[in-house]
Amino acid sequence: MEIFESSKLALFIIFAIPGFISIKTYSLLCPNHEKDSTKLIIDAITYSCLNYALLGPFIYMMIFSKKWEFICPFFTIIFYSFVMLVFPAFLAWGWLKLRNMEFFKKNAPHPTPRAWDYIFSQRKEYFVLVTLSDGKKLAGEYSEKSFTSSFPEDPQIYLEKAWEVSSEGGFERIREQSEGILILSKDIQSIEFFQHP
């Protein structure tokens, strides 16, 4: 294939790899919708160009100042590895931090795709009261050993401690010999959160 010609392969690596690293890093930090390959390549090239624009002065100095290569060739390898691999990941992390600032929250769409992901990404501990589609209530403790799925997977929640629900619909006591409870989103009507002491 033509893309595997040395010159074209070099261009692909230079203008696509940093962008792909940024995209994948952002997806790990903030899961989002999968894009088709054409849109993904365009985004990757855009991120790569932004990466080079921000590091442009340093890249210029490295290219036109041969003293670094003379003093320490190993430094040149470290520098370009940073440009191609490390900074793109940092760029994605910085962009996510920027989007989570109050100004962006008020004036732009929130980066987190669902309220489910937003509340559970905070990793706070709660007492949780789940109302199922049939009206039945389940109670439990969401703590450090609990788990929730993230977008784009279907929402699921594992509560590490199951509680008995009182006749008034509150928390009565921990259910004996229980190792927790797993609840699927298709069964959930609502989830109510209570402060964990």
N, C-alpha and C. Protein backbone atom coordinates (compact mmCIF):
# COMPACT_ATOMS: atom_id res chain seq x y z
N MET A 1 0.83 -1.20 0.00
CA MET A 1 0.00 0.00 0.00
C MET A 1 0.87 1.25 0.00
N GLU A 2 0.35 2.34 -0.60
CA GLU A 2 1.14 3.56 -0.73
C GLU A 2 1.48 4.19 0.62
N ILE A 3 0.61 4.00 1.60
CA ILE A 3 0.84 4.62 2.90
C ILE A 3 2.09 4.07 3.57
N PHE A 4 2.51 2.86 3.15
CA PHE A 4 3.67 2.25 3.77
C PHE A 4 4.98 2.65 3.10
N GLU A 5 4.93 3.53 2.08
CA GLU A 5 6.16 4.10 1.55
C GLU A 5 6.79 4.92 2.65
N SER A 6 8.13 4.90 2.73
CA SER A 6 8.83 5.49 3.88
C SER A 6 8.47 6.94 4.13
N SER A 7 8.40 7.77 3.08
CA SER A 7 8.11 9.19 3.28
C SER A 7 6.68 9.40 3.78
N LYS A 8 5.73 8.64 3.21
CA LYS A 8 4.34 8.78 3.63
C LYS A 8 4.12 8.21 5.03
N LEU A 9 4.83 7.14 5.33
CA LEU A 9 4.71 6.57 6.67
C LEU A 9 5.24 7.53 7.71
N ALA A 10 6.35 8.22 7.38
CA ALA A 10 6.92 9.21 8.30
C ALA A 10 5.94 10.35 8.53
N LEU A 11 5.30 10.83 7.45
CA LEU A 11 4.31 11.90 7.59
C LEU A 11 3.12 11.45 8.43
N PHE A 12 2.69 10.21 8.21
CA PHE A 12 1.57 9.68 8.99
C PHE A 12 1.92 9.64 10.47
N ILE A 13 3.11 9.16 10.80
CA ILE A 13 3.55 9.08 12.20
C ILE A 13 3.62 10.47 12.81
N ILE A 14 4.19 11.41 12.06
CA ILE A 14 4.39 12.77 12.59
C ILE A 14 3.06 13.48 12.81
N PHE A 15 2.13 13.35 11.86
CA PHE A 15 0.89 14.14 11.93
C PHE A 15 -0.33 13.39 12.46
N ALA A 16 -0.20 12.11 12.74
CA ALA A 16 -1.35 11.36 13.25
C ALA A 16 -1.13 10.78 14.63
N ILE A 17 0.05 10.24 14.89
CA ILE A 17 0.29 9.55 16.16
C ILE A 17 0.09 10.45 17.38
N PRO A 18 0.66 11.68 17.42
CA PRO A 18 0.41 12.54 18.60
C PRO A 18 -1.08 12.80 18.81
N GLY A 19 -1.81 13.01 17.71
CA GLY A 19 -3.24 13.25 17.82
C GLY A 19 -4.00 12.05 18.34
N PHE A 20 -3.64 10.86 17.86
CA PHE A 20 -4.28 9.64 18.36
C PHE A 20 -4.02 9.46 19.85
N ILE A 21 -2.82 9.79 20.30
CA ILE A 21 -2.50 9.67 21.72
C ILE A 21 -3.36 10.64 22.53
N SER A 22 -3.53 11.87 22.02
CA SER A 22 -4.41 12.84 22.70
C SER A 22 -5.84 12.33 22.78
N ILE A 23 -6.34 11.81 21.67
CA ILE A 23 -7.72 11.32 21.62
C ILE A 23 -7.94 10.15 22.57
N LYS A 24 -7.01 9.21 22.57
CA LYS A 24 -7.14 8.04 23.43
C LYS A 24 -7.00 8.41 24.90
N THR A 25 -6.11 9.35 25.21
CA THR A 25 -5.96 9.81 26.59
C THR A 25 -7.24 10.47 27.06
N TYR A 26 -7.82 11.33 26.22
CA TYR A 26 -9.06 12.01 26.57
C TYR A 26 -10.19 11.01 26.78
N SER A 27 -10.23 9.98 25.92
CA SER A 27 -11.27 8.96 26.04
C SER A 27 -11.14 8.16 27.32
N LEU A 28 -9.90 7.93 27.76
CA LEU A 28 -9.69 7.22 29.03
C LEU A 28 -10.13 8.07 30.21
N LEU A 29 -9.85 9.38 30.15
CA LEU A 29 -10.21 10.28 31.25
C LEU A 29 -11.68 10.64 31.23
N CYS A 30 -12.25 10.71 30.04
CA CYS A 30 -13.65 11.11 29.90
C CYS A 30 -14.26 10.35 28.72
N PRO A 31 -14.80 9.15 28.97
CA PRO A 31 -15.34 8.32 27.88
C PRO A 31 -16.39 9.06 27.07
N ASN A 32 -16.35 8.90 25.76
CA ASN A 32 -17.32 9.56 24.89
C ASN A 32 -17.69 8.66 23.72
N HIS A 33 -18.52 9.18 22.82
CA HIS A 33 -19.00 8.39 21.68
C HIS A 33 -17.84 8.01 20.77
N GLU A 34 -17.90 6.79 20.25
CA GLU A 34 -16.91 6.36 19.25
C GLU A 34 -17.18 7.09 17.94
N LYS A 35 -16.10 7.55 17.29
CA LYS A 35 -16.24 8.26 16.02
C LYS A 35 -15.83 7.34 14.87
N ASP A 36 -16.37 7.64 13.67
CA ASP A 36 -15.95 6.84 12.52
C ASP A 36 -14.51 7.18 12.16
N SER A 37 -13.86 6.29 11.43
CA SER A 37 -12.42 6.40 11.19
C SER A 37 -12.03 7.69 10.47
N THR A 38 -12.87 8.15 9.53
CA THR A 38 -12.55 9.37 8.79
C THR A 38 -12.51 10.58 9.72
N LYS A 39 -13.53 10.71 10.56
CA LYS A 39 -13.58 11.82 11.52
C LYS A 39 -12.44 11.70 12.53
N LEU A 40 -12.10 10.48 12.90
CA LEU A 40 -11.03 10.24 13.87
C LEU A 40 -9.68 10.70 13.33
N ILE A 41 -9.42 10.42 12.06
CA ILE A 41 -8.15 10.83 11.45
C ILE A 41 -8.06 12.35 11.37
N ILE A 42 -9.16 13.00 10.99
CA ILE A 42 -9.18 14.47 10.93
C ILE A 42 -8.91 15.06 12.30
N ASP A 43 -9.57 14.52 13.33
CA ASP A 43 -9.35 14.99 14.70
C ASP A 43 -7.91 14.76 15.14
N ALA A 44 -7.36 13.60 14.78
CA ALA A 44 -5.99 13.28 15.17
C ALA A 44 -5.00 14.26 14.55
N ILE A 45 -5.19 14.59 13.28
CA ILE A 45 -4.31 15.55 12.61
C ILE A 45 -4.45 16.93 13.23
N THR A 46 -5.69 17.31 13.58
CA THR A 46 -5.93 18.60 14.23
C THR A 46 -5.22 18.69 15.57
N TYR A 47 -5.35 17.65 16.39
CA TYR A 47 -4.67 17.62 17.68
C TYR A 47 -3.16 17.65 17.50
N SER A 48 -2.65 16.94 16.50
CA SER A 48 -1.21 16.93 16.25
C SER A 48 -0.71 18.32 15.88
N CYS A 49 -1.46 19.02 15.02
CA CYS A 49 -1.07 20.38 14.63
C CYS A 49 -1.08 21.32 15.83
N LEU A 50 -2.08 21.18 16.70
CA LEU A 50 -2.13 21.99 17.92
C LEU A 50 -0.94 21.68 18.81
N ASN A 51 -0.60 20.41 18.89
CA ASN A 51 0.55 19.96 19.68
C ASN A 51 1.83 20.64 19.19
N TYR A 52 2.02 20.64 17.87
CA TYR A 52 3.23 21.25 17.29
C TYR A 52 3.20 22.77 17.39
N ALA A 53 2.01 23.36 17.31
CA ALA A 53 1.91 24.81 17.44
C ALA A 53 2.34 25.27 18.83
N LEU A 54 1.91 24.54 19.85
CA LEU A 54 2.26 24.91 21.23
C LEU A 54 3.74 24.69 21.51
N LEU A 55 4.31 23.66 20.90
CA LEU A 55 5.73 23.36 21.13
C LEU A 55 6.63 23.91 20.03
N GLY A 56 6.04 24.68 19.11
CA GLY A 56 6.77 25.18 17.96
C GLY A 56 8.11 25.84 18.26
N PRO A 57 8.15 26.80 19.19
CA PRO A 57 9.43 27.47 19.48
C PRO A 57 10.52 26.49 19.93
N PHE A 58 10.14 25.51 20.73
CA PHE A 58 11.14 24.54 21.22
C PHE A 58 11.60 23.61 20.09
N ILE A 59 10.65 23.22 19.24
CA ILE A 59 11.01 22.38 18.09
C ILE A 59 11.93 23.14 17.15
N TYR A 60 11.62 24.42 16.94
CA TYR A 60 12.46 25.28 16.07
C TYR A 60 13.89 25.33 16.60
N MET A 61 14.02 25.53 17.91
CA MET A 61 15.36 25.60 18.50
C MET A 61 16.10 24.28 18.35
N MET A 62 15.39 23.18 18.48
CA MET A 62 16.04 21.88 18.35
C MET A 62 16.49 21.62 16.92
N ILE A 63 15.68 22.05 15.95
CA ILE A 63 16.02 21.80 14.54
C ILE A 63 17.20 22.65 14.08
N PHE A 64 17.17 23.94 14.47
CA PHE A 64 18.17 24.87 13.94
C PHE A 64 19.33 25.13 14.88
N SER A 65 19.29 24.55 16.06
CA SER A 65 20.43 24.66 16.97
C SER A 65 21.04 23.27 17.12
N LYS A 66 22.16 23.05 16.45
CA LYS A 66 22.79 21.73 16.43
C LYS A 66 23.57 21.43 17.70
N LYS A 67 23.70 22.44 18.57
CA LYS A 67 24.54 22.22 19.76
C LYS A 67 23.97 21.13 20.66
N TRP A 68 22.62 21.03 20.71
CA TRP A 68 22.03 20.00 21.57
C TRP A 68 22.40 18.61 21.08
N GLU A 69 22.35 18.41 19.77
CA GLU A 69 22.72 17.11 19.21
C GLU A 69 24.19 16.81 19.46
N PHE A 70 24.99 17.88 19.43
CA PHE A 70 26.43 17.69 19.65
C PHE A 70 26.72 17.40 21.12
N ILE A 71 26.07 18.16 22.01
CA ILE A 71 26.32 18.01 23.44
C ILE A 71 25.77 16.68 23.95
N CYS A 72 24.53 16.38 23.56
CA CYS A 72 23.89 15.17 24.09
C CYS A 72 22.87 14.62 23.10
N PRO A 73 23.29 13.72 22.23
CA PRO A 73 22.35 13.13 21.26
C PRO A 73 21.17 12.46 21.96
N PHE A 74 21.41 11.91 23.15
CA PHE A 74 20.34 11.24 23.89
C PHE A 74 19.24 12.23 24.25
N PHE A 75 19.62 13.49 24.53
CA PHE A 75 18.64 14.52 24.86
C PHE A 75 17.69 14.75 23.69
N THR A 76 18.22 14.68 22.46
CA THR A 76 17.38 14.85 21.27
C THR A 76 16.31 13.77 21.20
N ILE A 77 16.70 12.54 21.49
CA ILE A 77 15.74 11.43 21.49
C ILE A 77 14.67 11.65 22.55
N ILE A 78 15.10 12.06 23.75
CA ILE A 78 14.16 12.33 24.84
C ILE A 78 13.20 13.44 24.46
N PHE A 79 13.73 14.50 23.85
CA PHE A 79 12.91 15.65 23.49
C PHE A 79 11.81 15.26 22.49
N TYR A 80 12.20 14.57 21.42
CA TYR A 80 11.21 14.21 20.40
C TYR A 80 10.24 13.14 20.90
N SER A 81 10.68 12.31 21.82
CA SER A 81 9.76 11.36 22.45
C SER A 81 8.72 12.11 23.27
N PHE A 82 9.16 13.16 23.96
CA PHE A 82 8.25 14.00 24.73
C PHE A 82 7.24 14.68 23.80
N VAL A 83 7.74 15.22 22.69
CA VAL A 83 6.86 15.91 21.73
C VAL A 83 5.83 14.96 21.13
N MET A 84 6.25 13.75 20.79
CA MET A 84 5.38 12.82 20.07
C MET A 84 4.47 12.00 20.99
N LEU A 85 4.93 11.73 22.21
CA LEU A 85 4.21 10.77 23.06
C LEU A 85 3.68 11.36 24.36
N VAL A 86 4.49 12.16 25.04
CA VAL A 86 4.13 12.63 26.39
C VAL A 86 3.25 13.87 26.33
N PHE A 87 3.67 14.89 25.59
CA PHE A 87 2.92 16.15 25.57
C PHE A 87 1.51 15.98 25.01
N PRO A 88 1.29 15.14 23.98
CA PRO A 88 -0.10 14.94 23.52
C PRO A 88 -1.03 14.43 24.62
N ALA A 89 -0.53 13.55 25.49
CA ALA A 89 -1.34 13.07 26.61
C ALA A 89 -1.60 14.20 27.60
N PHE A 90 -0.58 15.01 27.86
CA PHE A 90 -0.73 16.16 28.76
C PHE A 90 -1.72 17.17 28.17
N LEU A 91 -1.68 17.34 26.84
CA LEU A 91 -2.59 18.25 26.16
C LEU A 91 -4.05 17.84 26.38
N ALA A 92 -4.32 16.55 26.27
CA ALA A 92 -5.68 16.04 26.49
C ALA A 92 -6.11 16.26 27.93
N TRP A 93 -5.20 15.98 28.87
CA TRP A 93 -5.50 16.19 30.29
C TRP A 93 -5.78 17.66 30.57
N GLY A 94 -4.97 18.55 30.00
CA GLY A 94 -5.17 19.99 30.20
C GLY A 94 -6.48 20.48 29.62
N TRP A 95 -6.85 19.95 28.44
CA TRP A 95 -8.10 20.34 27.81
C TRP A 95 -9.30 19.92 28.65
N LEU A 96 -9.22 18.73 29.24
CA LEU A 96 -10.31 18.27 30.10
C LEU A 96 -10.41 19.14 31.35
N LYS A 97 -9.26 19.49 31.95
CA LYS A 97 -9.27 20.37 33.12
C LYS A 97 -9.88 21.72 32.76
N LEU A 98 -9.55 22.23 31.58
CA LEU A 98 -10.08 23.51 31.13
C LEU A 98 -11.59 23.45 30.96
N ARG A 99 -12.08 22.36 30.39
CA ARG A 99 -13.53 22.20 30.17
C ARG A 99 -14.30 22.03 31.48
N ASN A 100 -13.60 21.64 32.54
CA ASN A 100 -14.26 21.48 33.84
C ASN A 100 -14.23 22.75 34.67
N MET A 101 -13.62 23.82 34.16
CA MET A 101 -13.63 25.11 34.86
C MET A 101 -15.03 25.71 34.81
N GLU A 102 -15.35 26.52 35.82
CA GLU A 102 -16.69 27.09 35.93
C GLU A 102 -17.11 27.86 34.69
N PHE A 103 -16.19 28.62 34.10
CA PHE A 103 -16.54 29.42 32.92
C PHE A 103 -17.02 28.52 31.78
N PHE A 104 -16.31 27.42 31.55
CA PHE A 104 -16.69 26.50 30.48
C PHE A 104 -17.96 25.74 30.82
N LYS A 105 -18.13 25.40 32.11
CA LYS A 105 -19.34 24.70 32.51
C LYS A 105 -20.59 25.53 32.23
N LYS A 106 -20.46 26.86 32.39
CA LYS A 106 -21.61 27.74 32.19
C LYS A 106 -21.86 28.06 30.72
N ASN A 107 -20.81 28.01 29.91
CA ASN A 107 -20.93 28.49 28.54
C ASN A 107 -20.70 27.44 27.46
N ALA A 108 -20.46 26.20 27.86
CA ALA A 108 -20.22 25.14 26.88
C ALA A 108 -20.78 23.83 27.41
N PRO A 109 -21.04 22.87 26.54
CA PRO A 109 -21.54 21.57 27.00
C PRO A 109 -20.54 20.91 27.96
N HIS A 110 -21.07 20.25 28.97
CA HIS A 110 -20.20 19.57 29.93
C HIS A 110 -19.52 18.38 29.25
N PRO A 111 -18.23 18.15 29.55
CA PRO A 111 -17.52 17.04 28.88
C PRO A 111 -18.02 15.66 29.26
N THR A 112 -18.63 15.53 30.45
CA THR A 112 -19.13 14.22 30.88
C THR A 112 -20.46 13.94 30.19
N PRO A 113 -20.59 12.81 29.49
CA PRO A 113 -21.77 12.58 28.64
C PRO A 113 -23.07 12.33 29.39
N ARG A 114 -23.00 11.76 30.63
CA ARG A 114 -24.24 11.41 31.34
C ARG A 114 -24.14 11.81 32.80
N ALA A 115 -25.29 12.11 33.39
CA ALA A 115 -25.33 12.43 34.82
C ALA A 115 -24.81 11.25 35.65
N TRP A 116 -25.09 10.04 35.17
CA TRP A 116 -24.61 8.82 35.84
C TRP A 116 -23.10 8.87 36.01
N ASP A 117 -22.37 9.18 34.93
CA ASP A 117 -20.91 9.23 34.98
C ASP A 117 -20.43 10.40 35.85
N TYR A 118 -21.16 11.51 35.78
CA TYR A 118 -20.74 12.70 36.55
C TYR A 118 -20.79 12.43 38.05
N ILE A 119 -21.90 11.90 38.52
CA ILE A 119 -22.04 11.71 39.97
C ILE A 119 -21.08 10.65 40.50
N PHE A 120 -20.91 9.58 39.77
CA PHE A 120 -20.06 8.50 40.27
C PHE A 120 -18.57 8.75 40.03
N SER A 121 -18.23 9.64 39.10
CA SER A 121 -16.82 9.97 38.87
C SER A 121 -16.22 10.74 40.04
N GLN A 122 -17.08 11.30 40.89
CA GLN A 122 -16.59 12.04 42.05
C GLN A 122 -16.07 11.13 43.16
N ARG A 123 -16.40 9.85 43.06
CA ARG A 123 -15.92 8.82 44.00
C ARG A 123 -16.25 9.16 45.45
N LYS A 124 -17.40 9.77 45.68
CA LYS A 124 -17.86 10.02 47.05
C LYS A 124 -18.57 8.78 47.57
N GLU A 125 -18.67 8.68 48.88
CA GLU A 125 -19.38 7.56 49.50
C GLU A 125 -20.81 7.99 49.83
N TYR A 126 -21.75 7.10 49.53
CA TYR A 126 -23.16 7.40 49.76
C TYR A 126 -23.89 6.19 50.34
N PHE A 127 -25.00 6.48 51.00
CA PHE A 127 -26.03 5.47 51.19
C PHE A 127 -27.00 5.68 50.01
N VAL A 128 -27.36 4.59 49.36
CA VAL A 128 -28.12 4.69 48.12
C VAL A 128 -29.44 3.94 48.25
N LEU A 129 -30.51 4.60 47.82
CA LEU A 129 -31.83 3.98 47.79
C LEU A 129 -32.28 3.92 46.34
N VAL A 130 -32.38 2.70 45.82
CA VAL A 130 -32.71 2.49 44.41
C VAL A 130 -34.17 2.05 44.29
N THR A 131 -34.93 2.78 43.48
CA THR A 131 -36.31 2.38 43.19
C THR A 131 -36.33 1.69 41.83
N LEU A 132 -36.82 0.46 41.81
CA LEU A 132 -36.85 -0.32 40.58
C LEU A 132 -38.10 0.01 39.76
N SER A 133 -38.11 -0.46 38.54
CA SER A 133 -39.22 -0.19 37.62
C SER A 133 -40.55 -0.72 38.14
N ASP A 134 -40.50 -1.80 38.93
CA ASP A 134 -41.73 -2.37 39.48
C ASP A 134 -42.13 -1.74 40.81
N GLY A 135 -41.39 -0.70 41.24
CA GLY A 135 -41.70 -0.01 42.49
C GLY A 135 -40.96 -0.52 43.70
N LYS A 136 -40.31 -1.66 43.59
CA LYS A 136 -39.55 -2.22 44.71
C LYS A 136 -38.34 -1.35 45.01
N LYS A 137 -37.97 -1.26 46.29
CA LYS A 137 -36.83 -0.45 46.69
C LYS A 137 -35.68 -1.34 47.18
N LEU A 138 -34.48 -1.00 46.76
CA LEU A 138 -33.27 -1.66 47.23
C LEU A 138 -32.36 -0.62 47.85
N ALA A 139 -31.76 -0.98 48.98
CA ALA A 139 -30.88 -0.03 49.68
C ALA A 139 -29.49 -0.64 49.82
N GLY A 140 -28.51 0.22 49.82
CA GLY A 140 -27.15 -0.27 49.97
C GLY A 140 -26.17 0.85 50.22
N GLU A 141 -24.93 0.44 50.38
CA GLU A 141 -23.85 1.39 50.68
C GLU A 141 -22.89 1.44 49.50
N TYR A 142 -22.72 2.63 48.95
CA TYR A 142 -21.76 2.84 47.86
C TYR A 142 -20.49 3.41 48.48
N SER A 143 -19.45 2.57 48.53
CA SER A 143 -18.21 2.98 49.20
C SER A 143 -17.01 2.58 48.35
N GLU A 144 -15.83 2.46 48.98
CA GLU A 144 -14.59 2.29 48.22
C GLU A 144 -14.53 0.99 47.42
N LYS A 145 -15.24 -0.05 47.83
CA LYS A 145 -15.23 -1.31 47.10
C LYS A 145 -16.40 -1.44 46.13
N SER A 146 -17.23 -0.42 46.06
CA SER A 146 -18.36 -0.43 45.13
C SER A 146 -17.87 -0.06 43.73
N PHE A 147 -18.74 -0.27 42.74
CA PHE A 147 -18.32 -0.01 41.36
C PHE A 147 -19.52 0.37 40.51
N THR A 148 -19.26 1.27 39.54
CA THR A 148 -20.26 1.59 38.53
C THR A 148 -19.61 1.54 37.16
N SER A 149 -20.38 1.13 36.17
CA SER A 149 -19.86 1.11 34.80
C SER A 149 -19.82 2.54 34.27
N SER A 150 -19.02 2.75 33.22
CA SER A 150 -18.87 4.07 32.62
C SER A 150 -19.32 4.04 31.16
N PHE A 151 -19.67 5.20 30.67
CA PHE A 151 -20.03 5.36 29.26
C PHE A 151 -18.87 4.89 28.38
N PRO A 152 -19.10 4.17 27.30
CA PRO A 152 -20.38 3.93 26.63
C PRO A 152 -21.09 2.64 27.05
N GLU A 153 -20.60 1.97 28.08
CA GLU A 153 -21.26 0.74 28.54
C GLU A 153 -22.59 1.07 29.21
N ASP A 154 -23.51 0.12 29.21
CA ASP A 154 -24.79 0.32 29.88
C ASP A 154 -24.56 0.51 31.38
N PRO A 155 -25.30 1.46 31.99
CA PRO A 155 -25.10 1.70 33.43
C PRO A 155 -25.41 0.47 34.28
N GLN A 156 -24.50 0.15 35.16
CA GLN A 156 -24.68 -0.90 36.16
C GLN A 156 -24.04 -0.40 37.45
N ILE A 157 -24.58 -0.80 38.57
CA ILE A 157 -24.02 -0.37 39.85
C ILE A 157 -23.90 -1.56 40.79
N TYR A 158 -22.73 -1.66 41.41
CA TYR A 158 -22.51 -2.68 42.44
C TYR A 158 -22.37 -1.97 43.77
N LEU A 159 -23.25 -2.30 44.71
CA LEU A 159 -23.19 -1.75 46.07
C LEU A 159 -22.56 -2.80 46.97
N GLU A 160 -21.48 -2.44 47.64
CA GLU A 160 -20.72 -3.44 48.40
C GLU A 160 -21.44 -3.95 49.64
N LYS A 161 -22.40 -3.17 50.15
CA LYS A 161 -23.18 -3.61 51.31
C LYS A 161 -24.66 -3.39 51.03
N ALA A 162 -25.43 -4.45 51.15
CA ALA A 162 -26.88 -4.36 50.97
C ALA A 162 -27.54 -4.12 52.32
N TRP A 163 -28.56 -3.26 52.34
CA TRP A 163 -29.30 -2.94 53.56
C TRP A 163 -30.74 -3.39 53.41
N GLU A 164 -31.33 -3.72 54.55
CA GLU A 164 -32.77 -3.98 54.59
C GLU A 164 -33.49 -2.64 54.52
N VAL A 165 -34.59 -2.59 53.78
CA VAL A 165 -35.38 -1.38 53.68
C VAL A 165 -36.50 -1.43 54.71
N SER A 166 -36.63 -0.37 55.49
CA SER A 166 -37.65 -0.33 56.54
C SER A 166 -39.04 -0.14 55.93
N SER A 167 -40.04 -0.32 56.75
CA SER A 167 -41.42 -0.16 56.28
C SER A 167 -41.71 1.27 55.83
N GLU A 168 -40.92 2.22 56.36
CA GLU A 168 -41.08 3.63 55.95
C GLU A 168 -40.28 3.96 54.69
N GLY A 169 -39.54 2.96 54.17
CA GLY A 169 -38.76 3.18 52.97
C GLY A 169 -37.37 3.70 53.23
N GLY A 170 -36.87 3.56 54.47
CA GLY A 170 -35.54 4.02 54.81
C GLY A 170 -34.57 2.87 55.03
N PHE A 171 -33.42 3.19 55.61
CA PHE A 171 -32.39 2.18 55.87
C PHE A 171 -32.60 1.60 57.27
N GLU A 172 -32.77 0.29 57.34
CA GLU A 172 -33.03 -0.35 58.63
C GLU A 172 -31.77 -0.95 59.22
N ARG A 173 -31.13 -1.88 58.53
CA ARG A 173 -29.90 -2.52 59.01
C ARG A 173 -29.20 -3.21 57.84
N ILE A 174 -27.92 -3.50 58.04
CA ILE A 174 -27.16 -4.23 57.02
C ILE A 174 -27.71 -5.64 56.89
N ARG A 175 -27.89 -6.09 55.67
CA ARG A 175 -28.39 -7.44 55.43
C ARG A 175 -27.31 -8.46 55.78
N GLU A 176 -27.63 -9.39 56.61
CA GLU A 176 -26.65 -10.37 57.07
C GLU A 176 -26.20 -11.30 55.95
N GLN A 177 -24.91 -11.63 55.98
CA GLN A 177 -24.27 -12.56 55.04
C GLN A 177 -24.33 -12.09 53.59
N SER A 178 -24.63 -10.83 53.38
CA SER A 178 -24.68 -10.29 52.02
C SER A 178 -23.30 -9.81 51.60
N GLU A 179 -22.94 -10.10 50.35
CA GLU A 179 -21.67 -9.64 49.78
C GLU A 179 -21.90 -8.48 48.81
N GLY A 180 -23.01 -7.81 48.98
CA GLY A 180 -23.32 -6.68 48.11
C GLY A 180 -24.44 -7.01 47.14
N ILE A 181 -24.73 -6.04 46.28
CA ILE A 181 -25.84 -6.20 45.34
C ILE A 181 -25.48 -5.53 44.01
N LEU A 182 -25.79 -6.21 42.91
CA LEU A 182 -25.55 -5.69 41.56
C LEU A 182 -26.89 -5.34 40.93
N ILE A 183 -27.01 -4.10 40.43
CA ILE A 183 -28.27 -3.64 39.86
C ILE A 183 -28.03 -3.17 38.43
N LEU A 184 -28.89 -3.60 37.51
CA LEU A 184 -28.77 -3.24 36.09
C LEU A 184 -29.64 -2.03 35.78
N SER A 185 -29.20 -1.20 34.86
CA SER A 185 -29.90 0.05 34.56
C SER A 185 -31.32 -0.17 34.05
N LYS A 186 -31.54 -1.26 33.32
CA LYS A 186 -32.88 -1.50 32.76
C LYS A 186 -33.92 -1.72 33.84
N ASP A 187 -33.46 -2.03 35.06
CA ASP A 187 -34.38 -2.26 36.17
C ASP A 187 -34.57 -1.02 37.05
N ILE A 188 -33.78 0.04 36.80
CA ILE A 188 -33.77 1.20 37.69
C ILE A 188 -34.73 2.28 37.21
N GLN A 189 -35.55 2.77 38.13
CA GLN A 189 -36.40 3.93 37.85
C GLN A 189 -35.74 5.20 38.37
N SER A 190 -35.19 5.13 39.58
CA SER A 190 -34.51 6.30 40.15
C SER A 190 -33.51 5.85 41.22
N ILE A 191 -32.54 6.73 41.51
CA ILE A 191 -31.57 6.48 42.57
C ILE A 191 -31.53 7.71 43.47
N GLU A 192 -31.66 7.48 44.76
CA GLU A 192 -31.59 8.58 45.73
C GLU A 192 -30.33 8.41 46.56
N PHE A 193 -29.60 9.52 46.75
CA PHE A 193 -28.32 9.48 47.46
C PHE A 193 -28.45 10.15 48.82
N PHE A 194 -27.84 9.52 49.82
CA PHE A 194 -27.83 10.07 51.18
C PHE A 194 -26.38 10.17 51.65
N GLN A 195 -26.12 11.16 52.49
CA GLN A 195 -24.76 11.37 52.99
C GLN A 195 -24.26 10.15 53.73
N HIS A 196 -23.00 9.83 53.48
CA HIS A 196 -22.33 8.73 54.19
C HIS A 196 -21.56 9.34 55.35
N PRO A 197 -21.74 8.82 56.57
CA PRO A 197 -21.07 9.44 57.73
C PRO A 197 -19.55 9.31 57.64
